[in-house]
């Protein structure tokens, strides 16, 4: 808002009061101006004449004479509240905010009525805010609001919100700007809504936005993303990935929508050598008849959501209600002829590995612009074409929080949640039904070098499977083989103990990232991640059966693994 437009109405009111309607009606003739100037600048000058001269100078748009008249009035009568007020307004209009604040502060101390004090404190707060003294401005504006008419009260809320934001009181800033947005003056309401939209803790996109990224690096265990029992016998690969995202945002701040389409392609180009953590005996595990380079994934993800925002109790809230669909393809889907047979790659290119459809509901509240809490509920149907027993209805509930510190140089993002997978392919097979607890935290540091951002974090998962029913169909262990040297009763007891085991997994991850801003919306990213899974099944001794000709170990899959991923990525936004 332009300074002169902001205070000119108050100045007109001021001089109508100070000089009286009669002076204003004199028309500002040359004789009237000369007479008022002469009375003001006489050896024993008259402050009232100075105010009449100032009023006529303003009507003539003679700023130099107006300033001289008001300054003389203050010199002649330092306790004249109207002279102090007028000079303060004129100085503020000329952007001399420090001197304006000094005179307005004196006027506030001299004002007699509550209405006069409120008006003076309003313009004092405005001048202090413009002079960079936000804390003092907030105090003056707080004193002003109760005694102002509705029109000025709306402006007072606007500037008080700016002052609160300057001193870091984001909650008060959002509340006051929300009150200004609800005022009757459409021009100021629009300005307040614009400020709120720019301050929002929930960034939104209007129109179309896009980002593409390409990365190259090393992955030591690429099969873990697709197989529940990836085994420890894995080869590191040279891995590249491409990702493209297109987002379309529409609607208003209060009621809008977003739609996103994502394409992701992962290619394993070259096996770099043996990982070296397989069991020593070559025949001690089931050998899968594929190599990690066979696992080249393509993912297509589409999302659409209604987004509603608004202030409740002065706090910004966001509601999201949406649906999504996902398709995961593999160049060669791993297949096997039986539960004990090794996986082998199919001949199909872009074979269907899994797909999902789901709905989600999310709610977030900004306790301040730098503090956001939220909850998300997601339900999806996820069939698994590689292992149908893992097809499930998945329900996930997450609680999320984000807090910025040190002027937003540091940001902590954390979440805690739970997941329940209910399998459905075969009602008799429930071994993949599970409860999962998930914890995650990341710290973001926006370094003094504005082009560099560092991130570090980690996650923890605990999975409890609901499969301890003592039968082969729901066990994660291979089929029991009777020991011919044991009795039938002994073999039955051995078999029951062998199968009656509830699986438990613990997974943890540590990650780090450096982001380098290159040019317009372009970022180079270096990432490293270590992910590990520990399963209680892998800790059991491998059983052996005495066939009479010697002991034969029962081959068992391996569920635990260690994965390291190091990538260099280039992202370009549009």
Protein backbone atom coordinates (compact mmCIF):
# COMPACT_ATOMS: atom_id res chain seq x y z
CA UNK A 1 0.00 0.00 0.00
CA UNK A 2 1.33 3.50 -0.84
CA UNK A 3 2.22 5.58 2.19
CA UNK A 4 0.38 8.73 1.13
CA UNK A 5 -2.80 6.81 0.37
CA UNK A 6 -2.55 5.09 3.73
CA UNK A 7 -2.46 8.26 5.87
CA UNK A 8 -4.03 11.00 3.74
CA UNK A 9 -7.56 10.32 4.99
CA UNK A 10 -6.45 10.69 8.60
CA UNK A 11 -4.57 13.88 7.74
CA UNK A 12 -7.73 15.39 6.23
CA UNK A 13 -9.69 14.55 9.35
CA UNK A 14 -6.90 15.92 11.51
CA UNK A 15 -6.86 19.33 9.87
CA UNK A 16 -10.62 19.62 9.73
CA UNK A 17 -10.63 19.20 13.49
CA UNK A 18 -7.58 21.33 14.14
CA UNK A 19 -8.38 24.36 12.02
CA UNK A 20 -12.16 24.11 12.06
CA UNK A 21 -14.60 23.89 9.18
CA UNK A 22 -14.54 27.66 8.75
CA UNK A 23 -10.85 27.64 7.90
CA UNK A 24 -11.35 24.81 5.47
CA UNK A 25 -14.18 26.75 3.85
CA UNK A 26 -12.04 29.83 3.31
CA UNK A 27 -10.98 28.18 0.06
CA UNK A 28 -7.32 28.71 0.68
CA UNK A 29 -7.19 32.10 -1.10
CA UNK A 30 -3.85 33.85 -1.38
CA UNK A 31 -4.95 36.40 1.19
CA UNK A 32 -5.96 33.69 3.65
CA UNK A 33 -2.69 31.82 3.20
CA UNK A 34 -0.61 34.97 3.61
CA UNK A 35 -2.52 36.00 6.73
CA UNK A 36 -2.17 32.58 8.38
CA UNK A 37 1.55 32.42 7.51
CA UNK A 38 2.16 35.90 8.89
CA UNK A 39 0.38 35.12 12.17
CA UNK A 40 2.28 31.84 12.45
CA UNK A 41 5.75 33.26 11.81
CA UNK A 42 5.33 36.53 13.76
CA UNK A 43 7.67 37.24 16.67
CA UNK A 44 4.96 35.99 18.99
CA UNK A 45 3.56 33.41 16.64
CA UNK A 46 0.21 31.66 17.01
CA UNK A 47 0.16 27.83 16.86
CA UNK A 48 -3.50 27.85 15.80
CA UNK A 49 -2.59 30.06 12.83
CA UNK A 50 0.18 27.61 11.94
CA UNK A 51 -2.36 24.80 11.86
CA UNK A 52 -4.63 26.85 9.57
CA UNK A 53 -1.66 27.54 7.29
CA UNK A 54 -0.76 23.82 7.28
CA UNK A 55 -4.34 22.90 6.38
CA UNK A 56 -4.41 25.28 3.43
CA UNK A 57 -0.92 24.20 2.31
CA UNK A 58 -2.12 20.59 2.22
CA UNK A 59 -5.15 21.62 0.17
CA UNK A 60 -2.76 23.29 -2.28
CA UNK A 61 -0.44 20.23 -2.21
CA UNK A 62 2.36 22.48 -0.95
CA UNK A 63 4.33 19.97 1.11
CA UNK A 64 7.21 22.30 1.89
CA UNK A 65 4.94 24.96 3.41
CA UNK A 66 2.90 22.33 5.23
CA UNK A 67 6.00 20.90 6.91
CA UNK A 68 7.25 24.40 7.89
CA UNK A 69 3.86 25.32 9.34
CA UNK A 70 3.59 22.16 11.43
CA UNK A 71 7.17 22.33 12.66
CA UNK A 72 6.59 25.94 13.72
CA UNK A 73 3.39 24.95 15.52
CA UNK A 74 5.29 22.29 17.48
CA UNK A 75 8.00 24.82 18.37
CA UNK A 76 5.44 27.37 19.55
CA UNK A 77 3.32 24.84 21.45
CA UNK A 78 5.17 21.57 22.17
CA UNK A 79 2.13 20.23 24.01
CA UNK A 80 -0.23 20.70 21.06
CA UNK A 81 -1.32 17.15 20.27
CA UNK A 82 -2.72 18.08 16.89
CA UNK A 83 0.51 19.78 15.82
CA UNK A 84 2.57 16.79 16.93
CA UNK A 85 0.16 14.39 15.24
CA UNK A 86 0.08 16.35 12.00
CA UNK A 87 3.87 16.64 11.78
CA UNK A 88 4.24 12.94 12.55
CA UNK A 89 1.81 12.01 9.79
CA UNK A 90 3.53 14.29 7.29
CA UNK A 91 6.94 12.82 8.12
CA UNK A 92 5.56 9.30 7.75
CA UNK A 93 4.05 10.27 4.42
CA UNK A 94 7.52 11.41 3.34
CA UNK A 95 9.00 8.10 4.63
CA UNK A 96 10.94 9.80 7.41
CA UNK A 97 9.71 7.13 9.80
CA UNK A 98 12.17 7.64 12.66
CA UNK A 99 11.23 11.33 13.12
CA UNK A 100 7.57 10.52 12.50
CA UNK A 101 7.63 7.97 15.33
CA UNK A 102 9.20 10.48 17.70
CA UNK A 103 6.46 13.08 17.15
CA UNK A 104 3.66 10.50 17.13
CA UNK A 105 4.95 9.06 20.39
CA UNK A 106 4.73 12.54 21.97
CA UNK A 107 1.23 12.95 20.53
CA UNK A 108 0.14 9.62 22.00
CA UNK A 109 1.27 10.75 25.45
CA UNK A 110 -0.58 14.07 25.07
CA UNK A 111 -3.86 12.78 23.57
CA UNK A 112 -6.81 13.35 25.88
CA UNK A 113 -9.60 11.05 24.73
CA UNK A 114 -9.45 7.29 24.23
CA UNK A 115 -10.41 7.73 20.57
CA UNK A 116 -7.57 10.22 20.02
CA UNK A 117 -5.06 7.92 21.72
CA UNK A 118 -6.18 4.98 19.61
CA UNK A 119 -5.82 6.97 16.39
CA UNK A 120 -2.38 8.28 17.30
CA UNK A 121 -1.17 4.84 18.43
CA UNK A 122 -2.34 3.33 15.15
CA UNK A 123 -0.15 5.69 13.10
CA UNK A 124 2.66 5.40 15.63
CA UNK A 125 2.58 1.63 15.17
CA UNK A 126 2.61 2.08 11.40
CA UNK A 127 5.67 4.37 11.54
CA UNK A 128 7.53 2.08 13.94
CA UNK A 129 6.85 -0.92 11.72
CA UNK A 130 8.21 0.92 8.71
CA UNK A 131 11.23 1.98 10.77
CA UNK A 132 12.04 -1.65 11.49
CA UNK A 133 11.00 -1.62 15.15
CA UNK A 134 8.50 -4.47 14.99
CA UNK A 135 8.23 -5.16 18.73
CA UNK A 136 7.43 -1.50 19.53
CA UNK A 137 5.05 -1.39 16.58
CA UNK A 138 3.17 -4.44 17.86
CA UNK A 139 2.77 -2.78 21.26
CA UNK A 140 1.45 0.50 19.80
CA UNK A 141 -0.97 -1.26 17.46
CA UNK A 142 -2.28 -3.42 20.29
CA UNK A 143 -3.10 -0.24 22.25
CA UNK A 144 -4.84 1.24 19.21
CA UNK A 145 -7.23 -1.47 18.13
CA UNK A 146 -9.91 -1.23 20.79
CA UNK A 147 -10.70 2.43 20.13
CA UNK A 148 -10.66 2.51 16.33
CA UNK A 149 -13.63 2.54 13.96
CA UNK A 150 -14.16 -0.66 11.94
CA UNK A 151 -12.35 0.55 8.83
CA UNK A 152 -9.17 1.50 10.66
CA UNK A 153 -9.42 -1.54 12.94
CA UNK A 154 -9.16 -3.75 9.87
CA UNK A 155 -5.99 -1.92 8.78
CA UNK A 156 -4.67 -2.08 12.33
CA UNK A 157 -5.07 -5.87 12.30
CA UNK A 158 -3.22 -6.01 8.98
CA UNK A 159 -0.19 -4.07 10.23
CA UNK A 160 -0.24 -5.76 13.63
CA UNK A 161 -0.04 -9.10 11.81
CA UNK A 162 3.01 -7.89 9.89
CA UNK A 163 4.65 -6.77 13.14
CA UNK A 164 3.89 -10.09 14.86
CA UNK A 165 5.39 -12.00 11.98
CA UNK A 166 8.53 -9.84 12.09
CA UNK A 167 9.12 -10.71 15.74
CA UNK A 168 8.51 -14.41 15.11
CA UNK A 169 5.02 -14.74 16.61
CA UNK A 170 3.61 -16.71 13.70
CA UNK A 171 0.46 -17.80 15.52
CA UNK A 172 -0.59 -14.24 16.38
CA UNK A 173 0.35 -13.08 12.88
CA UNK A 174 -1.93 -15.67 11.25
CA UNK A 175 -4.79 -14.88 13.66
CA UNK A 176 -4.60 -11.11 13.09
CA UNK A 177 -4.25 -11.42 9.33
CA UNK A 178 -7.25 -13.74 9.34
CA UNK A 179 -9.25 -11.06 11.15
CA UNK A 180 -8.13 -8.48 8.59
CA UNK A 181 -9.16 -10.83 5.80
CA UNK A 182 -12.65 -10.96 7.28
CA UNK A 183 -13.09 -7.16 7.37
CA UNK A 184 -15.58 -5.20 5.30
CA UNK A 185 -13.12 -3.21 3.16
CA UNK A 186 -12.70 -5.46 0.11
CA UNK A 187 -9.36 -3.94 -0.87
CA UNK A 188 -7.80 -4.68 2.52
CA UNK A 189 -9.52 -8.07 2.75
CA UNK A 190 -7.99 -9.08 -0.57
CA UNK A 191 -4.57 -7.86 0.56
CA UNK A 192 -4.87 -9.84 3.79
CA UNK A 193 -5.93 -13.01 1.98
CA UNK A 194 -2.98 -12.60 -0.35
CA UNK A 195 -0.63 -12.32 2.61
CA UNK A 196 -2.15 -15.38 4.23
CA UNK A 197 -1.73 -17.38 1.05
CA UNK A 198 1.93 -16.38 0.85
CA UNK A 199 2.44 -17.20 4.53
CA UNK A 200 0.68 -20.54 4.43
CA UNK A 201 2.40 -23.46 6.09
CA UNK A 202 0.95 -25.65 3.34
CA UNK A 203 2.44 -24.60 -0.02
CA UNK A 204 0.18 -25.02 -3.01
CA UNK A 205 0.60 -24.92 -6.76
CA UNK A 206 -1.64 -22.98 -9.15
CA UNK A 207 -1.63 -24.25 -12.69
CA UNK A 208 0.92 -26.76 -13.93
CA UNK A 209 4.31 -27.53 -12.40
CA UNK A 210 6.76 -30.29 -13.27
CA UNK A 211 10.06 -31.79 -12.20
CA UNK A 212 12.34 -34.34 -13.81
CA UNK A 213 15.31 -36.06 -12.22
CA UNK A 214 18.02 -38.48 -13.26
CA UNK A 215 20.40 -40.32 -10.95
CA UNK A 216 23.33 -42.72 -11.10
CA UNK A 217 24.92 -44.72 -8.31
CA UNK A 218 25.44 -48.05 -6.59
CA UNK A 219 22.89 -50.33 -4.92
CA UNK A 220 24.26 -53.33 -3.03
CA UNK A 221 20.97 -55.21 -2.72
CA UNK A 222 18.48 -54.30 -5.47
CA UNK A 223 16.30 -57.39 -5.03
CA UNK A 224 15.13 -56.39 -1.54
CA UNK A 225 12.50 -54.03 -2.92
CA UNK A 226 10.55 -56.83 -4.58
CA UNK A 227 11.20 -60.11 -2.72
CA UNK A 228 10.26 -60.82 0.88
CA UNK A 229 13.15 -63.29 1.13
CA UNK A 230 15.83 -61.62 -0.99
CA UNK A 231 18.60 -63.77 0.59
CA UNK A 232 21.99 -62.39 1.53
CA UNK A 233 23.57 -63.66 -1.66
CA UNK A 234 23.24 -60.49 -3.73
CA UNK A 235 25.44 -58.59 -6.12
CA UNK A 236 25.98 -54.82 -6.02
CA UNK A 237 24.92 -53.13 -9.23
CA UNK A 238 25.44 -49.86 -11.02
CA UNK A 239 21.96 -48.36 -10.90
CA UNK A 240 20.35 -45.45 -12.70
CA UNK A 241 16.92 -43.96 -12.21
CA UNK A 242 14.68 -41.49 -14.00
CA UNK A 243 11.69 -39.78 -12.46
CA UNK A 244 9.20 -37.33 -13.87
CA UNK A 245 6.41 -35.60 -11.95
CA UNK A 246 3.65 -33.39 -13.31
CA UNK A 247 1.39 -31.56 -10.84
CA UNK A 248 -1.73 -29.57 -11.59
CA UNK A 249 -3.23 -27.32 -8.92
CA UNK A 250 -6.54 -25.51 -9.25
CA UNK A 251 -9.20 -23.70 -7.26
CA UNK A 252 -8.90 -21.13 -4.48
CA UNK A 253 -6.90 -21.06 -1.29
CA UNK A 254 -9.94 -22.24 0.67
CA UNK A 255 -11.20 -24.89 -1.77
CA UNK A 256 -8.90 -26.36 -4.36
CA UNK A 257 -7.55 -29.53 -5.79
CA UNK A 258 -4.33 -31.18 -6.87
CA UNK A 259 -3.60 -33.93 -9.35
CA UNK A 260 -0.20 -35.59 -9.78
CA UNK A 261 1.18 -38.06 -12.29
CA UNK A 262 4.54 -39.74 -11.64
CA UNK A 263 6.67 -41.97 -13.85
CA UNK A 264 9.69 -43.73 -12.33
CA UNK A 265 12.16 -45.99 -14.15
CA UNK A 266 14.99 -47.86 -12.47
CA UNK A 267 17.70 -49.66 -14.46
CA UNK A 268 20.41 -51.98 -13.12
CA UNK A 269 23.20 -51.86 -15.67
CA UNK A 270 26.20 -53.70 -14.34
CA UNK A 271 26.99 -56.21 -11.62
CA UNK A 272 29.97 -54.93 -9.68
CA UNK A 273 31.01 -58.07 -7.81
CA UNK A 274 29.94 -60.42 -5.07
CA UNK A 275 28.60 -58.82 -1.88
CA UNK A 276 30.47 -61.43 0.15
CA UNK A 277 27.97 -62.09 2.93
CA UNK A 278 26.39 -65.36 1.71
CA UNK A 279 26.76 -68.53 3.78
CA UNK A 280 29.97 -70.41 3.15
CA UNK A 281 28.38 -73.63 1.88
CA UNK A 282 27.19 -73.18 -1.67
CA UNK A 283 24.38 -75.70 -1.25
CA UNK A 284 23.13 -74.41 2.10
CA UNK A 285 20.52 -72.04 0.67
CA UNK A 286 18.07 -72.15 -2.20
CA UNK A 287 19.78 -70.50 -5.12
CA UNK A 288 17.57 -68.14 -7.12
CA UNK A 289 18.06 -68.44 -10.86
CA UNK A 290 18.22 -64.72 -11.57
CA UNK A 291 20.72 -61.93 -11.19
CA UNK A 292 20.08 -58.48 -9.69
CA UNK A 293 20.45 -56.98 -13.15
CA UNK A 294 17.17 -58.67 -14.05
CA UNK A 295 15.34 -56.32 -11.69
CA UNK A 296 14.52 -53.21 -13.74
CA UNK A 297 11.43 -51.54 -12.38
CA UNK A 298 8.92 -49.11 -13.87
CA UNK A 299 6.38 -47.42 -11.59
CA UNK A 300 3.40 -45.32 -12.66
CA UNK A 301 1.58 -43.43 -9.91
CA UNK A 302 -1.45 -41.16 -10.18
CA UNK A 303 -2.99 -39.12 -7.37
CA UNK A 304 -5.89 -36.67 -7.12
CA UNK A 305 -7.11 -34.85 -4.03
CA UNK A 306 -9.46 -32.18 -2.79
CA UNK A 307 -7.61 -29.61 -0.68
CA UNK A 308 -9.45 -27.39 1.75
CA UNK A 309 -7.81 -24.73 3.90
CA UNK A 310 -9.04 -22.28 6.47
CA UNK A 311 -8.49 -20.69 9.86
CA UNK A 312 -10.06 -22.35 12.89
CA UNK A 313 -9.50 -20.53 16.14
CA UNK A 314 -6.90 -18.38 14.39
CA UNK A 315 -4.86 -21.44 13.31
CA UNK A 316 -4.43 -22.57 9.73
CA UNK A 317 -5.89 -25.99 8.94
CA UNK A 318 -5.66 -28.13 5.84
CA UNK A 319 -7.86 -31.08 4.86
CA UNK A 320 -7.00 -33.45 2.03
CA UNK A 321 -9.29 -36.14 0.67
CA UNK A 322 -7.99 -38.08 -2.29
CA UNK A 323 -7.55 -41.26 -4.27
CA UNK A 324 -4.55 -42.83 -5.94
CA UNK A 325 -3.56 -45.68 -8.20
CA UNK A 326 -0.18 -47.35 -8.70
CA UNK A 327 1.26 -49.90 -11.11
CA UNK A 328 4.67 -51.56 -10.63
CA UNK A 329 6.22 -53.30 -13.62
CA UNK A 330 9.37 -55.41 -13.89
CA UNK A 331 11.28 -56.20 -17.04
CA UNK A 332 11.37 -59.86 -15.99
CA UNK A 333 8.97 -60.79 -13.21
CA UNK A 334 10.52 -63.48 -10.97
CA UNK A 335 8.42 -66.64 -10.90
CA UNK A 336 8.76 -70.08 -9.31
CA UNK A 337 6.98 -73.41 -9.81
CA UNK A 338 6.46 -74.14 -6.09
CA UNK A 339 7.03 -72.67 -2.68
CA UNK A 340 10.42 -74.36 -2.44
CA UNK A 341 11.52 -73.82 -6.01
CA UNK A 342 13.98 -71.02 -6.78
CA UNK A 343 12.81 -67.83 -8.43
CA UNK A 344 13.61 -67.49 -12.11
CA UNK A 345 13.05 -64.51 -14.42
CA UNK A 346 10.12 -64.68 -16.81
CA UNK A 347 10.41 -63.79 -20.46
CA UNK A 348 7.94 -60.93 -20.18
CA UNK A 349 9.18 -57.41 -20.63
CA UNK A 350 7.30 -54.91 -18.43
CA UNK A 351 5.53 -57.71 -16.61
CA UNK A 352 3.08 -56.76 -13.87
CA UNK A 353 4.64 -57.16 -10.40
CA UNK A 354 1.99 -55.45 -8.28
CA UNK A 355 -0.66 -52.76 -8.47
CA UNK A 356 -2.69 -50.80 -5.95
CA UNK A 357 -5.72 -48.56 -5.63
CA UNK A 358 -6.45 -46.61 -2.50
CA UNK A 359 -7.96 -43.62 -0.75
CA UNK A 360 -6.46 -41.29 1.80
CA UNK A 361 -7.64 -38.69 4.27
CA UNK A 362 -5.24 -36.17 5.74
CA UNK A 363 -5.56 -33.31 8.20
CA UNK A 364 -2.89 -30.83 9.21
CA UNK A 365 -2.83 -27.85 11.54
CA UNK A 366 -0.21 -25.10 11.65
CA UNK A 367 0.32 -24.12 15.26
CA UNK A 368 2.61 -21.49 13.70
CA UNK A 369 4.14 -21.06 10.27
CA UNK A 370 7.14 -23.01 11.57
CA UNK A 371 5.22 -25.71 13.47
CA UNK A 372 2.88 -28.15 11.73
CA UNK A 373 1.15 -31.26 13.06
CA UNK A 374 -0.88 -33.69 11.02
CA UNK A 375 -2.52 -37.09 10.70
CA UNK A 376 -3.01 -39.28 7.65
CA UNK A 377 -5.22 -42.32 7.15
CA UNK A 378 -4.72 -44.42 4.03
CA UNK A 379 -6.48 -47.59 2.90
CA UNK A 380 -5.45 -49.45 -0.23
CA UNK A 381 -5.95 -52.73 -2.04
CA UNK A 382 -2.55 -54.12 -3.11
CA UNK A 383 -2.49 -57.40 -5.07
CA UNK A 384 0.95 -59.01 -5.49
CA UNK A 385 1.57 -60.85 -8.74
CA UNK A 386 4.97 -62.25 -7.70
CA UNK A 387 3.75 -63.82 -4.46
CA UNK A 388 -0.09 -63.87 -4.31
CA UNK A 389 -0.02 -64.80 -0.61
CA UNK A 390 1.27 -61.24 0.02
CA UNK A 391 -1.77 -59.62 -1.62
CA UNK A 392 -3.41 -57.51 1.06
CA UNK A 393 -5.74 -54.76 2.08
CA UNK A 394 -3.37 -52.29 3.72
CA UNK A 395 -4.46 -49.75 6.33
CA UNK A 396 -2.01 -47.11 7.50
CA UNK A 397 -2.32 -44.37 10.11
CA UNK A 398 0.47 -41.81 10.54
CA UNK A 399 0.97 -38.87 12.87
CA UNK A 400 3.39 -36.29 11.51
CA UNK A 401 5.07 -33.17 12.81
CA UNK A 402 7.40 -30.49 11.49
CA UNK A 403 9.16 -27.74 13.44
CA UNK A 404 11.62 -25.07 12.31
CA UNK A 405 14.28 -23.47 14.50
CA UNK A 406 16.83 -20.64 14.34
CA UNK A 407 14.93 -18.56 11.84
CA UNK A 408 14.07 -21.65 9.78
CA UNK A 409 17.69 -22.63 9.29
CA UNK A 410 16.97 -25.93 11.03
CA UNK A 411 13.89 -28.05 10.47
CA UNK A 412 12.90 -31.29 12.19
CA UNK A 413 10.43 -33.59 10.45
CA UNK A 414 9.16 -36.63 12.35
CA UNK A 415 6.42 -39.22 12.05
CA UNK A 416 5.08 -42.18 13.98
CA UNK A 417 2.57 -44.59 12.56
CA UNK A 418 1.17 -48.03 12.32
CA UNK A 419 0.15 -50.32 9.48
CA UNK A 420 -2.05 -53.39 9.29
CA UNK A 421 -1.87 -55.74 6.30
CA UNK A 422 -4.80 -58.14 5.91
CA UNK A 423 -4.13 -60.70 3.19
CA UNK A 424 -6.98 -62.05 1.12
CA UNK A 425 -5.68 -64.30 -1.70
CA UNK A 426 -6.23 -67.53 0.23
CA UNK A 427 -8.31 -67.32 3.45
CA UNK A 428 -6.37 -70.27 4.87
CA UNK A 429 -3.02 -68.51 4.38
CA UNK A 430 -2.63 -65.62 6.83
CA UNK A 431 1.11 -65.70 7.36
CA UNK A 432 1.56 -62.25 5.80
CA UNK A 433 -1.05 -60.64 8.04
CA UNK A 434 0.96 -58.27 10.16
CA UNK A 435 1.07 -55.20 12.37
CA UNK A 436 3.85 -52.74 11.66
CA UNK A 437 5.10 -49.89 13.84
CA UNK A 438 7.02 -47.17 12.00
CA UNK A 439 9.12 -44.28 13.32
CA UNK A 440 11.00 -41.74 11.22
CA UNK A 441 12.87 -38.47 11.78
CA UNK A 442 14.89 -36.13 9.55
CA UNK A 443 16.82 -32.97 10.33
CA UNK A 444 17.23 -30.35 7.60
CA UNK A 445 19.95 -27.69 7.84
CA UNK A 446 19.78 -24.70 5.50
CA UNK A 447 23.41 -23.68 5.65
CA UNK A 448 24.70 -20.07 5.61
CA UNK A 449 25.71 -20.75 2.02
CA UNK A 450 22.25 -20.44 0.49
CA UNK A 451 22.98 -22.91 -2.29
CA UNK A 452 23.65 -25.79 0.10
CA UNK A 453 21.12 -27.74 2.18
CA UNK A 454 22.02 -30.78 4.28
CA UNK A 455 19.66 -33.51 5.49
CA UNK A 456 20.19 -36.43 7.83
CA UNK A 457 17.77 -38.86 9.33
CA UNK A 458 16.71 -42.37 10.00
CA UNK A 459 13.83 -44.73 10.51
CA UNK A 460 12.81 -47.75 12.51
CA UNK A 461 10.20 -50.43 11.80
CA UNK A 462 8.99 -53.33 13.90
CA UNK A 463 6.82 -55.93 12.17
CA UNK A 464 4.86 -58.60 14.03
CA UNK A 465 3.34 -61.33 11.85
CA UNK A 466 0.15 -63.08 12.93
CA UNK A 467 1.12 -66.54 11.72
CA UNK A 468 1.86 -68.65 14.80
CA UNK A 469 -0.73 -71.30 14.06
CA UNK A 470 1.52 -74.35 13.79
CA UNK A 471 0.82 -75.46 10.24
CA UNK A 472 2.86 -75.59 7.07
CA UNK A 473 0.68 -73.22 5.05
CA UNK A 474 1.29 -70.36 7.48
CA UNK A 475 4.93 -70.96 8.25
CA UNK A 476 7.84 -69.04 6.79
CA UNK A 477 10.00 -72.17 7.07
CA UNK A 478 10.41 -74.78 4.31
CA UNK A 479 8.39 -78.00 4.41
CA UNK A 480 9.29 -80.32 7.26
CA UNK A 481 11.06 -83.54 6.32
CA UNK A 482 10.51 -86.48 8.68
CA UNK A 483 13.58 -88.04 10.22
CA UNK A 484 13.46 -91.76 9.35
CA UNK A 485 15.26 -92.64 12.58
CA UNK A 486 12.58 -90.96 14.73
CA UNK A 487 9.19 -92.37 15.61
CA UNK A 488 6.01 -90.97 14.08
CA UNK A 489 5.11 -89.34 17.40
CA UNK A 490 8.55 -87.79 17.68
CA UNK A 491 8.34 -86.46 14.11
CA UNK A 492 4.89 -84.99 14.81
CA UNK A 493 6.21 -83.22 17.88
CA UNK A 494 9.27 -81.98 16.00
CA UNK A 495 7.06 -80.73 13.15
CA UNK A 496 4.70 -78.83 15.48
CA UNK A 497 7.62 -77.08 17.17
CA UNK A 498 9.21 -76.41 13.79
CA UNK A 499 6.17 -74.60 12.38
CA UNK A 500 4.85 -72.94 15.54
CA UNK A 501 6.86 -69.74 15.21
CA UNK A 502 5.60 -66.17 14.89
CA UNK A 503 7.84 -64.14 12.63
CA UNK A 504 9.19 -60.80 13.84
CA UNK A 505 11.24 -58.36 11.79
CA UNK A 506 13.13 -55.24 12.78
CA UNK A 507 14.21 -52.82 10.07
CA UNK A 508 16.27 -49.67 10.48
CA UNK A 509 17.63 -47.08 8.12
CA UNK A 510 20.15 -44.24 8.25
CA UNK A 511 20.26 -41.66 5.47
CA UNK A 512 22.05 -38.46 4.52
CA UNK A 513 21.65 -35.98 1.68
CA UNK A 514 23.37 -32.86 0.35
CA UNK A 515 21.46 -30.54 -2.00
CA UNK A 516 23.36 -28.05 -4.17
CA UNK A 517 21.30 -25.37 -5.95
CA UNK A 518 22.75 -24.96 -9.46
CA UNK A 519 20.61 -22.67 -11.56
CA UNK A 520 16.92 -21.85 -11.96
CA UNK A 521 15.02 -24.66 -10.18
CA UNK A 522 17.94 -27.06 -10.71
CA UNK A 523 19.46 -29.00 -7.83
CA UNK A 524 22.27 -31.56 -7.64
CA UNK A 525 21.71 -34.10 -4.88
CA UNK A 526 24.13 -36.54 -3.28
CA UNK A 527 22.42 -39.25 -1.19
CA UNK A 528 23.54 -42.20 0.88
CA UNK A 529 21.29 -44.73 2.59
CA UNK A 530 21.92 -47.83 4.65
CA UNK A 531 18.94 -50.11 5.23
CA UNK A 532 18.97 -53.33 7.24
CA UNK A 533 16.42 -55.97 8.16
CA UNK A 534 16.84 -58.46 11.01
CA UNK A 535 14.44 -61.40 11.22
CA UNK A 536 14.04 -63.81 14.12
CA UNK A 537 13.73 -66.70 11.64
CA UNK A 538 17.26 -66.15 10.38
CA UNK A 539 18.58 -66.54 13.92
CA UNK A 540 17.33 -70.13 14.21
CA UNK A 541 19.72 -73.02 13.68
CA UNK A 542 19.29 -74.60 10.28
CA UNK A 543 17.68 -78.01 10.91
CA UNK A 544 19.30 -81.19 9.62
CA UNK A 545 17.66 -84.53 8.81
CA UNK A 546 19.43 -87.88 9.28
CA UNK A 547 18.50 -89.86 6.17
CA UNK A 548 20.56 -92.86 7.14
CA UNK A 549 23.15 -91.98 4.55
CA UNK A 550 24.16 -88.79 6.32
CA UNK A 551 22.75 -85.50 7.51
CA UNK A 552 21.09 -83.17 5.00
CA UNK A 553 20.33 -79.56 5.88
CA UNK A 554 16.88 -78.24 5.13
CA UNK A 555 17.37 -75.28 2.79
CA UNK A 556 15.90 -72.10 4.27
CA UNK A 557 15.30 -68.68 2.71
CA UNK A 558 16.98 -65.64 4.21
CA UNK A 559 14.76 -62.73 5.23
CA UNK A 560 17.38 -60.43 6.67
CA UNK A 561 19.61 -58.30 4.49
CA UNK A 562 21.80 -55.19 4.39
CA UNK A 563 21.40 -52.64 1.62
CA UNK A 564 23.59 -49.63 0.83
CA UNK A 565 22.62 -47.08 -1.80
CA UNK A 566 24.78 -44.14 -2.92
CA UNK A 567 23.44 -41.86 -5.65
CA UNK A 568 24.20 -38.65 -7.52
CA UNK A 569 20.98 -37.05 -8.75
CA UNK A 570 20.13 -34.00 -10.87
CA UNK A 571 16.67 -32.44 -10.47
CA UNK A 572 15.19 -29.79 -12.74
CA UNK A 573 11.91 -28.05 -12.01
CA UNK A 574 9.65 -26.26 -14.46
